[in-house]
Amino acid sequence: MLARIQEEYIALEEHVRRRAYFMEKRNYYNEGNPEDVTRAALFIFLCVPAITVSIL
């Protein structure tokens, strides 16, 4: 799950598109009702930006 989120994020080359993707995932995490595994993956993606950046 986390790998898929990171792949989708990395595929977006423009900063504006990456920001929109990040905000979409953040809103889903905060306002949606993700399953436990999805919630954990989103937590890592949202709270540990170094993981995403280091892959680039």
PDB file of N, CA and C in Angstrom:
ATOM      1  N   MET A   1       0.830  -1.190   0.000  1.00  0.00           N
ATOM      2  CA  MET A   1       0.000   0.000   0.000  1.00  0.00           C
ATOM      3  C   MET A   1       0.876   1.257   0.000  1.00  0.00           C
ATOM      4  N   LEU A   2       1.842   1.312   0.902  1.00  0.00           N
ATOM      5  CA  LEU A   2       2.727   2.479   0.966  1.00  0.00           C
ATOM      6  C   LEU A   2       3.515   2.618  -0.329  1.00  0.00           C
ATOM      7  N   ALA A   3       3.992   1.500  -0.857  1.00  0.00           N
ATOM      8  CA  ALA A   3       4.751   1.544  -2.107  1.00  0.00           C
ATOM      9  C   ALA A   3       3.904   2.120  -3.240  1.00  0.00           C
ATOM     10  N   ARG A   4       2.643   1.739  -3.300  1.00  0.00           N
ATOM     11  CA  ARG A   4       1.759   2.255  -4.347  1.00  0.00           C
ATOM     12  C   ARG A   4       1.558   3.758  -4.202  1.00  0.00           C
ATOM     13  N   ILE A   5       1.351   4.216  -2.980  1.00  0.00           N
ATOM     14  CA  ILE A   5       1.179   5.652  -2.736  1.00  0.00           C
ATOM     15  C   ILE A   5       2.438   6.402  -3.160  1.00  0.00           C
ATOM     16  N   GLN A   6       3.598   5.868  -2.807  1.00  0.00           N
ATOM     17  CA  GLN A   6       4.856   6.518  -3.171  1.00  0.00           C
ATOM     18  C   GLN A   6       5.057   6.532  -4.681  1.00  0.00           C
ATOM     19  N   GLU A   7       4.735   5.428  -5.353  1.00  0.00           N
ATOM     20  CA  GLU A   7       4.878   5.376  -6.809  1.00  0.00           C
ATOM     21  C   GLU A   7       3.985   6.411  -7.484  1.00  0.00           C
ATOM     22  N   GLU A   8       2.757   6.526  -7.018  1.00  0.00           N
ATOM     23  CA  GLU A   8       1.842   7.523  -7.581  1.00  0.00           C
ATOM     24  C   GLU A   8       2.383   8.931  -7.359  1.00  0.00           C
ATOM     25  N   TYR A   9       2.914   9.182  -6.173  1.00  0.00           N
ATOM     26  CA  TYR A   9       3.447  10.500  -5.829  1.00  0.00           C
ATOM     27  C   TYR A   9       4.670  10.830  -6.685  1.00  0.00           C
ATOM     28  N   ILE A  10       5.569   9.877  -6.810  1.00  0.00           N
ATOM     29  CA  ILE A  10       6.802  10.094  -7.571  1.00  0.00           C
ATOM     30  C   ILE A  10       6.504  10.322  -9.049  1.00  0.00           C
ATOM     31  N   ALA A  11       5.476   9.672  -9.563  1.00  0.00           N
ATOM     32  CA  ALA A  11       5.116   9.826 -10.970  1.00  0.00           C
ATOM     33  C   ALA A  11       4.683  11.255 -11.304  1.00  0.00           C
ATOM     34  N   LEU A  12       4.265  12.004 -10.303  1.00  0.00           N
ATOM     35  CA  LEU A  12       3.866  13.397 -10.519  1.00  0.00           C
ATOM     36  C   LEU A  12       5.118  14.267 -10.497  1.00  0.00           C
ATOM     37  N   GLU A  13       5.422  14.893 -11.609  1.00  0.00           N
ATOM     38  CA  GLU A  13       6.671  15.637 -11.711  1.00  0.00           C
ATOM     39  C   GLU A  13       6.564  17.080 -11.223  1.00  0.00           C
ATOM     40  N   GLU A  14       5.419  17.680 -11.373  1.00  0.00           N
ATOM     41  CA  GLU A  14       5.262  19.077 -10.983  1.00  0.00           C
ATOM     42  C   GLU A  14       4.978  19.198  -9.489  1.00  0.00           C
ATOM     43  N   HIS A  15       5.580  20.205  -8.881  1.00  0.00           N
ATOM     44  CA  HIS A  15       5.385  20.452  -7.448  1.00  0.00           C
ATOM     45  C   HIS A  15       3.907  20.676  -7.122  1.00  0.00           C
ATOM     46  N   VAL A  16       3.217  21.395  -7.974  1.00  0.00           N
ATOM     47  CA  VAL A  16       1.804  21.708  -7.737  1.00  0.00           C
ATOM     48  C   VAL A  16       0.972  20.428  -7.720  1.00  0.00           C
ATOM     49  N   ARG A  17       1.247  19.520  -8.633  1.00  0.00           N
ATOM     50  CA  ARG A  17       0.497  18.261  -8.687  1.00  0.00           C
ATOM     51  C   ARG A  17       0.818  17.386  -7.480  1.00  0.00           C
ATOM     52  N   ARG A  18       2.083  17.389  -7.063  1.00  0.00           N
ATOM     53  CA  ARG A  18       2.453  16.612  -5.878  1.00  0.00           C
ATOM     54  C   ARG A  18       1.771  17.170  -4.633  1.00  0.00           C
ATOM     55  N   ARG A  19       1.725  18.478  -4.541  1.00  0.00           N
ATOM     56  CA  ARG A  19       1.053  19.094  -3.389  1.00  0.00           C
ATOM     57  C   ARG A  19      -0.429  18.729  -3.371  1.00  0.00           C
ATOM     58  N   ALA A  20      -1.072  18.775  -4.530  1.00  0.00           N
ATOM     59  CA  ALA A  20      -2.489  18.419  -4.617  1.00  0.00           C
ATOM     60  C   ALA A  20      -2.698  16.957  -4.221  1.00  0.00           C
ATOM     61  N   TYR A  21      -1.813  16.082  -4.660  1.00  0.00           N
ATOM     62  CA  TYR A  21      -1.906  14.659  -4.307  1.00  0.00           C
ATOM     63  C   TYR A  21      -1.748  14.479  -2.800  1.00  0.00           C
ATOM     64  N   PHE A  22      -0.752  15.158  -2.236  1.00  0.00           N
ATOM     65  CA  PHE A  22      -0.511  15.084  -0.795  1.00  0.00           C
ATOM     66  C   PHE A  22      -1.743  15.553  -0.019  1.00  0.00           C
ATOM     67  N   MET A  23      -2.314  16.677  -0.439  1.00  0.00           N
ATOM     68  CA  MET A  23      -3.488  17.219   0.249  1.00  0.00           C
ATOM     69  C   MET A  23      -4.696  16.289   0.114  1.00  0.00           C
ATOM     70  N   GLU A  24      -4.842  15.663  -1.046  1.00  0.00           N
ATOM     71  CA  GLU A  24      -5.935  14.702  -1.245  1.00  0.00           C
ATOM     72  C   GLU A  24      -5.804  13.539  -0.263  1.00  0.00           C
ATOM     73  N   LYS A  25      -4.588  13.013  -0.139  1.00  0.00           N
ATOM     74  CA  LYS A  25      -4.359  11.895   0.786  1.00  0.00           C
ATOM     75  C   LYS A  25      -4.541  12.348   2.233  1.00  0.00           C
ATOM     76  N   ARG A  26      -4.112  13.558   2.535  1.00  0.00           N
ATOM     77  CA  ARG A  26      -4.271  14.073   3.898  1.00  0.00           C
ATOM     78  C   ARG A  26      -5.746  14.238   4.261  1.00  0.00           C
ATOM     79  N   ASN A  27      -6.515  14.779   3.336  1.00  0.00           N
ATOM     80  CA  ASN A  27      -7.951  14.937   3.577  1.00  0.00           C
ATOM     81  C   ASN A  27      -8.626  13.588   3.758  1.00  0.00           C
ATOM     82  N   TYR A  28      -8.255  12.612   2.947  1.00  0.00           N
ATOM     83  CA  TYR A  28      -8.838  11.276   3.082  1.00  0.00           C
ATOM     84  C   TYR A  28      -8.474  10.674   4.437  1.00  0.00           C
ATOM     85  N   TYR A  29      -7.228  10.869   4.861  1.00  0.00           N
ATOM     86  CA  TYR A  29      -6.787  10.356   6.165  1.00  0.00           C
ATOM     87  C   TYR A  29      -7.583  11.002   7.297  1.00  0.00           C
ATOM     88  N   ASN A  30      -7.774  12.306   7.219  1.00  0.00           N
ATOM     89  CA  ASN A  30      -8.449  13.048   8.287  1.00  0.00           C
ATOM     90  C   ASN A  30      -9.966  12.903   8.269  1.00  0.00           C
ATOM     91  N   GLU A  31     -10.561  12.910   7.087  1.00  0.00           N
ATOM     92  CA  GLU A  31     -12.014  12.968   6.992  1.00  0.00           C
ATOM     93  C   GLU A  31     -12.656  11.674   6.517  1.00  0.00           C
ATOM     94  N   GLY A  32     -11.868  10.839   5.852  1.00  0.00           N
ATOM     95  CA  GLY A  32     -12.403   9.574   5.363  1.00  0.00           C
ATOM     96  C   GLY A  32     -12.373   8.539   6.468  1.00  0.00           C
ATOM     97  N   ASN A  33     -12.620   7.334   6.096  1.00  0.00           N
ATOM     98  CA  ASN A  33     -12.594   6.244   7.061  1.00  0.00           C
ATOM     99  C   ASN A  33     -11.778   5.094   6.472  1.00  0.00           C
ATOM    100  N   PRO A  34     -10.461   5.316   6.287  1.00  0.00           N
ATOM    101  CA  PRO A  34      -9.652   4.268   5.665  1.00  0.00           C
ATOM    102  C   PRO A  34      -9.509   3.045   6.572  1.00  0.00           C
ATOM    103  N   GLU A  35      -9.339   1.886   5.939  1.00  0.00           N
ATOM    104  CA  GLU A  35      -9.089   0.661   6.689  1.00  0.00           C
ATOM    105  C   GLU A  35      -7.745   0.787   7.398  1.00  0.00           C
ATOM    106  N   ASP A  36      -7.499  -0.089   8.345  1.00  0.00           N
ATOM    107  CA  ASP A  36      -6.303   0.005   9.188  1.00  0.00           C
ATOM    108  C   ASP A  36      -5.000   0.033   8.390  1.00  0.00           C
ATOM    109  N   VAL A  37      -4.854  -0.859   7.410  1.00  0.00           N
ATOM    110  CA  VAL A  37      -3.616  -0.915   6.629  1.00  0.00           C
ATOM    111  C   VAL A  37      -3.441   0.365   5.824  1.00  0.00           C
ATOM    112  N   THR A  38      -4.506   0.827   5.216  1.00  0.00           N
ATOM    113  CA  THR A  38      -4.456   2.072   4.449  1.00  0.00           C
ATOM    114  C   THR A  38      -4.146   3.242   5.363  1.00  0.00           C
ATOM    115  N   ARG A  39      -4.751   3.267   6.518  1.00  0.00           N
ATOM    116  CA  ARG A  39      -4.506   4.336   7.495  1.00  0.00           C
ATOM    117  C   ARG A  39      -3.040   4.364   7.911  1.00  0.00           C
ATOM    118  N   ALA A  40      -2.458   3.198   8.145  1.00  0.00           N
ATOM    119  CA  ALA A  40      -1.046   3.125   8.528  1.00  0.00           C
ATOM    120  C   ALA A  40      -0.144   3.622   7.402  1.00  0.00           C
ATOM    121  N   ALA A  41      -0.431   3.212   6.168  1.00  0.00           N
ATOM    122  CA  ALA A  41       0.369   3.653   5.024  1.00  0.00           C
ATOM    123  C   ALA A  41       0.256   5.160   4.840  1.00  0.00           C
ATOM    124  N   LEU A  42      -0.940   5.690   4.968  1.00  0.00           N
ATOM    125  CA  LEU A  42      -1.127   7.134   4.842  1.00  0.00           C
ATOM    126  C   LEU A  42      -0.416   7.882   5.962  1.00  0.00           C
ATOM    127  N   PHE A  43      -0.448   7.340   7.164  1.00  0.00           N
ATOM    128  CA  PHE A  43       0.241   7.968   8.287  1.00  0.00           C
ATOM    129  C   PHE A  43       1.731   8.102   7.984  1.00  0.00           C
ATOM    130  N   ILE A  44       2.329   7.034   7.501  1.00  0.00           N
ATOM    131  CA  ILE A  44       3.759   7.077   7.172  1.00  0.00           C
ATOM    132  C   ILE A  44       4.005   8.077   6.053  1.00  0.00           C
ATOM    133  N   PHE A  45       3.204   8.028   5.008  1.00  0.00           N
ATOM    134  CA  PHE A  45       3.369   8.940   3.876  1.00  0.00           C
ATOM    135  C   PHE A  45       3.238  10.397   4.303  1.00  0.00           C
ATOM    136  N   LEU A  46       2.271  10.685   5.139  1.00  0.00           N
ATOM    137  CA  LEU A  46       2.003  12.069   5.532  1.00  0.00           C
ATOM    138  C   LEU A  46       2.964  12.595   6.590  1.00  0.00           C
ATOM    139  N   CYS A  47       3.404  11.731   7.483  1.00  0.00           N
ATOM    140  CA  CYS A  47       4.203  12.187   8.623  1.00  0.00           C
ATOM    141  C   CYS A  47       5.700  12.037   8.435  1.00  0.00           C
ATOM    142  N   VAL A  48       6.097  11.294   7.446  1.00  0.00           N
ATOM    143  CA  VAL A  48       7.525  11.071   7.241  1.00  0.00           C
ATOM    144  C   VAL A  48       7.872  11.419   5.793  1.00  0.00           C
ATOM    145  N   PRO A  49       7.888  12.708   5.458  1.00  0.00           N
ATOM    146  CA  PRO A  49       8.158  13.093   4.077  1.00  0.00           C
ATOM    147  C   PRO A  49       9.546  12.692   3.600  1.00  0.00           C
ATOM    148  N   ALA A  50      10.477  12.484   4.507  1.00  0.00           N
ATOM    149  CA  ALA A  50      11.824  12.080   4.110  1.00  0.00           C
ATOM    150  C   ALA A  50      11.813  10.734   3.400  1.00  0.00           C
ATOM    151  N   ILE A  51      10.881   9.868   3.738  1.00  0.00           N
ATOM    152  CA  ILE A  51      10.790   8.570   3.072  1.00  0.00           C
ATOM    153  C   ILE A  51      10.470   8.779   1.600  1.00  0.00           C
ATOM    154  N   THR A  52       9.525   9.629   1.319  1.00  0.00           N
ATOM    155  CA  THR A  52       9.136   9.893  -0.059  1.00  0.00           C
ATOM    156  C   THR A  52      10.238  10.630  -0.796  1.00  0.00           C
ATOM    157  N   VAL A  53      10.824  11.627  -0.180  1.00  0.00           N
ATOM    158  CA  VAL A  53      11.853  12.434  -0.823  1.00  0.00           C
ATOM    159  C   VAL A  53      13.111  11.621  -1.074  1.00  0.00           C
ATOM    160  N   SER A  54      13.487  10.741  -0.153  1.00  0.00           N
ATOM    161  CA  SER A  54      14.724   9.983  -0.300  1.00  0.00           C
ATOM    162  C   SER A  54      14.669   9.026  -1.476  1.00  0.00           C
ATOM    163  N   ILE A  55      13.485   8.624  -1.893  1.00  0.00           N
ATOM    164  CA  ILE A  55      13.358   7.709  -3.018  1.00  0.00           C
ATOM    165  C   ILE A  55      13.673   8.416  -4.328  1.00  0.00           C
ATOM    166  N   LEU A  56      13.439   9.710  -4.373  1.00  0.00           N
ATOM    167  CA  LEU A  56      13.704  10.464  -5.592  1.00  0.00           C
ATOM    168  C   LEU A  56      15.185  10.470  -5.853  1.00  0.00           C
TER     169      LEU A  56
END
